[in-house]
PDB file of N, CA and C in Angstrom:
ATOM      1  N   UNK A   1     -11.084  47.776 -43.516  1.00  0.00           N
ATOM      2  CA  UNK A   1     -12.333  47.048 -43.680  1.00  0.00           C
ATOM      3  C   UNK A   1     -12.019  45.579 -44.006  1.00  0.00           C
ATOM      4  N   UNK A   2     -12.771  44.697 -43.427  1.00  0.00           N
ATOM      5  CA  UNK A   2     -12.577  43.261 -43.639  1.00  0.00           C
ATOM      6  C   UNK A   2     -13.022  42.865 -45.038  1.00  0.00           C
ATOM      7  N   UNK A   3     -12.245  41.958 -45.626  1.00  0.00           N
ATOM      8  CA  UNK A   3     -12.547  41.467 -46.959  1.00  0.00           C
ATOM      9  C   UNK A   3     -13.161  40.080 -46.854  1.00  0.00           C
ATOM     10  N   UNK A   4     -13.793  39.677 -47.939  1.00  0.00           N
ATOM     11  CA  UNK A   4     -14.364  38.331 -48.025  1.00  0.00           C
ATOM     12  C   UNK A   4     -13.782  37.647 -49.254  1.00  0.00           C
ATOM     13  N   UNK A   5     -13.367  36.408 -49.070  1.00  0.00           N
ATOM     14  CA  UNK A   5     -12.806  35.601 -50.149  1.00  0.00           C
ATOM     15  C   UNK A   5     -13.709  34.395 -50.354  1.00  0.00           C
ATOM     16  N   UNK A   6     -14.012  34.083 -51.621  1.00  0.00           N
ATOM     17  CA  UNK A   6     -14.941  33.000 -51.941  1.00  0.00           C
ATOM     18  C   UNK A   6     -14.210  31.898 -52.700  1.00  0.00           C
ATOM     19  N   UNK A   7     -14.403  30.660 -52.267  1.00  0.00           N
ATOM     20  CA  UNK A   7     -13.853  29.506 -52.966  1.00  0.00           C
ATOM     21  C   UNK A   7     -14.649  29.330 -54.260  1.00  0.00           C
ATOM     22  N   UNK A   8     -13.941  29.337 -55.393  1.00  0.00           N
ATOM     23  CA  UNK A   8     -14.624  29.225 -56.682  1.00  0.00           C
ATOM     24  C   UNK A   8     -15.100  27.800 -56.954  1.00  0.00           C
ATOM     25  N   UNK A   9     -14.645  26.842 -56.171  1.00  0.00           N
ATOM     26  CA  UNK A   9     -15.048  25.453 -56.344  1.00  0.00           C
ATOM     27  C   UNK A   9     -16.360  25.159 -55.626  1.00  0.00           C
ATOM     28  N   UNK A  10     -16.448  25.539 -54.346  1.00  0.00           N
ATOM     29  CA  UNK A  10     -17.635  25.154 -53.568  1.00  0.00           C
ATOM     30  C   UNK A  10     -18.443  26.328 -53.015  1.00  0.00           C
ATOM     31  N   UNK A  11     -17.898  27.539 -53.087  1.00  0.00           N
ATOM     32  CA  UNK A  11     -18.646  28.703 -52.620  1.00  0.00           C
ATOM     33  C   UNK A  11     -18.408  29.074 -51.167  1.00  0.00           C
ATOM     34  N   UNK A  12     -17.518  28.356 -50.472  1.00  0.00           N
ATOM     35  CA  UNK A  12     -17.207  28.707 -49.079  1.00  0.00           C
ATOM     36  C   UNK A  12     -16.693  30.142 -49.013  1.00  0.00           C
ATOM     37  N   UNK A  13     -17.134  30.899 -48.023  1.00  0.00           N
ATOM     38  CA  UNK A  13     -16.712  32.290 -47.869  1.00  0.00           C
ATOM     39  C   UNK A  13     -15.809  32.411 -46.648  1.00  0.00           C
ATOM     40  N   UNK A  14     -14.622  32.953 -46.860  1.00  0.00           N
ATOM     41  CA  UNK A  14     -13.708  33.277 -45.767  1.00  0.00           C
ATOM     42  C   UNK A  14     -13.908  34.754 -45.479  1.00  0.00           C
ATOM     43  N   UNK A  15     -14.509  35.060 -44.348  1.00  0.00           N
ATOM     44  CA  UNK A  15     -14.790  36.438 -43.942  1.00  0.00           C
ATOM     45  C   UNK A  15     -13.719  36.858 -42.946  1.00  0.00           C
ATOM     46  N   UNK A  16     -12.894  37.833 -43.325  1.00  0.00           N
ATOM     47  CA  UNK A  16     -11.814  38.271 -42.443  1.00  0.00           C
ATOM     48  C   UNK A  16     -12.330  38.799 -41.113  1.00  0.00           C
ATOM     49  N   UNK A  17     -13.524  39.342 -41.077  1.00  0.00           N
ATOM     50  CA  UNK A  17     -14.083  39.869 -39.839  1.00  0.00           C
ATOM     51  C   UNK A  17     -14.339  38.756 -38.824  1.00  0.00           C
ATOM     52  N   UNK A  18     -14.530  37.548 -39.323  1.00  0.00           N
ATOM     53  CA  UNK A  18     -14.839  36.407 -38.459  1.00  0.00           C
ATOM     54  C   UNK A  18     -13.642  35.469 -38.309  1.00  0.00           C
ATOM     55  N   UNK A  19     -12.965  35.198 -39.422  1.00  0.00           N
ATOM     56  CA  UNK A  19     -11.944  34.145 -39.451  1.00  0.00           C
ATOM     57  C   UNK A  19     -10.504  34.643 -39.491  1.00  0.00           C
ATOM     58  N   UNK A  20     -10.299  35.934 -39.444  1.00  0.00           N
ATOM     59  CA  UNK A  20      -8.944  36.467 -39.450  1.00  0.00           C
ATOM     60  C   UNK A  20      -8.465  36.885 -40.826  1.00  0.00           C
ATOM     61  N   UNK A  21      -7.390  37.651 -40.834  1.00  0.00           N
ATOM     62  CA  UNK A  21      -6.829  38.191 -42.070  1.00  0.00           C
ATOM     63  C   UNK A  21      -6.349  37.098 -43.009  1.00  0.00           C
ATOM     64  N   UNK A  22      -6.664  37.250 -44.273  1.00  0.00           N
ATOM     65  CA  UNK A  22      -6.273  36.304 -45.315  1.00  0.00           C
ATOM     66  C   UNK A  22      -4.750  36.165 -45.363  1.00  0.00           C
ATOM     67  N   UNK A  23      -4.053  37.284 -45.243  1.00  0.00           N
ATOM     68  CA  UNK A  23      -2.599  37.301 -45.354  1.00  0.00           C
ATOM     69  C   UNK A  23      -1.907  36.534 -44.222  1.00  0.00           C
ATOM     70  N   UNK A  24      -2.606  36.304 -43.117  1.00  0.00           N
ATOM     71  CA  UNK A  24      -1.990  35.615 -41.979  1.00  0.00           C
ATOM     72  C   UNK A  24      -2.251  34.109 -41.984  1.00  0.00           C
ATOM     73  N   UNK A  25      -3.024  33.626 -42.947  1.00  0.00           N
ATOM     74  CA  UNK A  25      -3.283  32.188 -43.027  1.00  0.00           C
ATOM     75  C   UNK A  25      -2.017  31.456 -43.464  1.00  0.00           C
ATOM     76  N   UNK A  26      -1.850  30.216 -43.027  1.00  0.00           N
ATOM     77  CA  UNK A  26      -0.675  29.452 -43.465  1.00  0.00           C
ATOM     78  C   UNK A  26      -0.722  29.202 -44.970  1.00  0.00           C
ATOM     79  N   UNK A  27       0.431  29.060 -45.588  1.00  0.00           N
ATOM     80  CA  UNK A  27       0.497  28.878 -47.040  1.00  0.00           C
ATOM     81  C   UNK A  27      -0.141  27.572 -47.492  1.00  0.00           C
ATOM     82  N   UNK A  28      -0.283  26.617 -46.575  1.00  0.00           N
ATOM     83  CA  UNK A  28      -0.914  25.339 -46.926  1.00  0.00           C
ATOM     84  C   UNK A  28      -2.398  25.301 -46.529  1.00  0.00           C
ATOM     85  N   UNK A  29      -3.003  26.488 -46.359  1.00  0.00           N
ATOM     86  CA  UNK A  29      -4.424  26.593 -46.017  1.00  0.00           C
ATOM     87  C   UNK A  29      -5.261  25.827 -47.036  1.00  0.00           C
ATOM     88  N   UNK A  30      -6.251  25.110 -46.538  1.00  0.00           N
ATOM     89  CA  UNK A  30      -7.207  24.408 -47.397  1.00  0.00           C
ATOM     90  C   UNK A  30      -8.614  24.824 -47.028  1.00  0.00           C
ATOM     91  N   UNK A  31      -9.475  24.900 -48.028  1.00  0.00           N
ATOM     92  CA  UNK A  31     -10.884  25.200 -47.815  1.00  0.00           C
ATOM     93  C   UNK A  31     -11.453  24.155 -46.853  1.00  0.00           C
ATOM     94  N   UNK A  32     -12.131  24.581 -45.800  1.00  0.00           N
ATOM     95  CA  UNK A  32     -12.683  23.621 -44.854  1.00  0.00           C
ATOM     96  C   UNK A  32     -13.814  22.771 -45.426  1.00  0.00           C
ATOM     97  N   UNK A  33     -14.401  23.202 -46.534  1.00  0.00           N
ATOM     98  CA  UNK A  33     -15.511  22.452 -47.119  1.00  0.00           C
ATOM     99  C   UNK A  33     -15.072  21.468 -48.210  1.00  0.00           C
ATOM    100  N   UNK A  34     -14.124  21.890 -49.082  1.00  0.00           N
ATOM    101  CA  UNK A  34     -13.773  21.025 -50.211  1.00  0.00           C
ATOM    102  C   UNK A  34     -12.291  20.671 -50.300  1.00  0.00           C
ATOM    103  N   UNK A  35     -11.452  21.304 -49.484  1.00  0.00           N
ATOM    104  CA  UNK A  35     -10.034  20.963 -49.465  1.00  0.00           C
ATOM    105  C   UNK A  35      -9.173  21.667 -50.494  1.00  0.00           C
ATOM    106  N   UNK A  36      -9.730  22.574 -51.272  1.00  0.00           N
ATOM    107  CA  UNK A  36      -8.938  23.310 -52.261  1.00  0.00           C
ATOM    108  C   UNK A  36      -8.025  24.307 -51.555  1.00  0.00           C
ATOM    109  N   UNK A  37      -6.996  24.757 -52.269  1.00  0.00           N
ATOM    110  CA  UNK A  37      -6.034  25.694 -51.701  1.00  0.00           C
ATOM    111  C   UNK A  37      -6.426  27.146 -51.889  1.00  0.00           C
ATOM    112  N   UNK A  38      -5.570  28.012 -51.369  1.00  0.00           N
ATOM    113  CA  UNK A  38      -5.811  29.455 -51.435  1.00  0.00           C
ATOM    114  C   UNK A  38      -5.937  29.964 -52.866  1.00  0.00           C
ATOM    115  N   UNK A  39      -5.271  29.288 -53.799  1.00  0.00           N
ATOM    116  CA  UNK A  39      -5.306  29.723 -55.194  1.00  0.00           C
ATOM    117  C   UNK A  39      -6.696  29.589 -55.813  1.00  0.00           C
ATOM    118  N   UNK A  40      -7.580  28.858 -55.148  1.00  0.00           N
ATOM    119  CA  UNK A  40      -8.939  28.661 -55.650  1.00  0.00           C
ATOM    120  C   UNK A  40      -9.942  29.633 -55.017  1.00  0.00           C
ATOM    121  N   UNK A  41      -9.444  30.663 -54.358  1.00  0.00           N
ATOM    122  CA  UNK A  41     -10.292  31.690 -53.769  1.00  0.00           C
ATOM    123  C   UNK A  41     -10.157  32.978 -54.544  1.00  0.00           C
ATOM    124  N   UNK A  42     -11.253  33.713 -54.637  1.00  0.00           N
ATOM    125  CA  UNK A  42     -11.250  35.042 -55.261  1.00  0.00           C
ATOM    126  C   UNK A  42     -11.860  36.026 -54.273  1.00  0.00           C
ATOM    127  N   UNK A  43     -11.357  37.258 -54.311  1.00  0.00           N
ATOM    128  CA  UNK A  43     -11.898  38.285 -53.436  1.00  0.00           C
ATOM    129  C   UNK A  43     -13.306  38.654 -53.905  1.00  0.00           C
ATOM    130  N   UNK A  44     -14.203  38.831 -52.959  1.00  0.00           N
ATOM    131  CA  UNK A  44     -15.594  39.160 -53.276  1.00  0.00           C
ATOM    132  C   UNK A  44     -15.758  40.678 -53.238  1.00  0.00           C
ATOM    133  N   UNK A  45     -16.404  41.209 -54.237  1.00  0.00           N
ATOM    134  CA  UNK A  45     -16.630  42.669 -54.308  1.00  0.00           C
ATOM    135  C   UNK A  45     -17.748  43.100 -53.401  1.00  0.00           C
TER     136      UNK A  45
END
C-alpha cells in the first residue's frame, strides 16, 4: 500500500501512489514547496 509523507514545515504531501516510493528519492530531495529536506517529513497515518 502506498504511503503518504507530510512536510512538517509547509504541509506538502508526498503521495507514493502518485510521486513514487519514498525510499527511491535522491538523498538530496527537497520539498517542492518550501525547499526543506527529507528529514522534515513525517509519515501520515
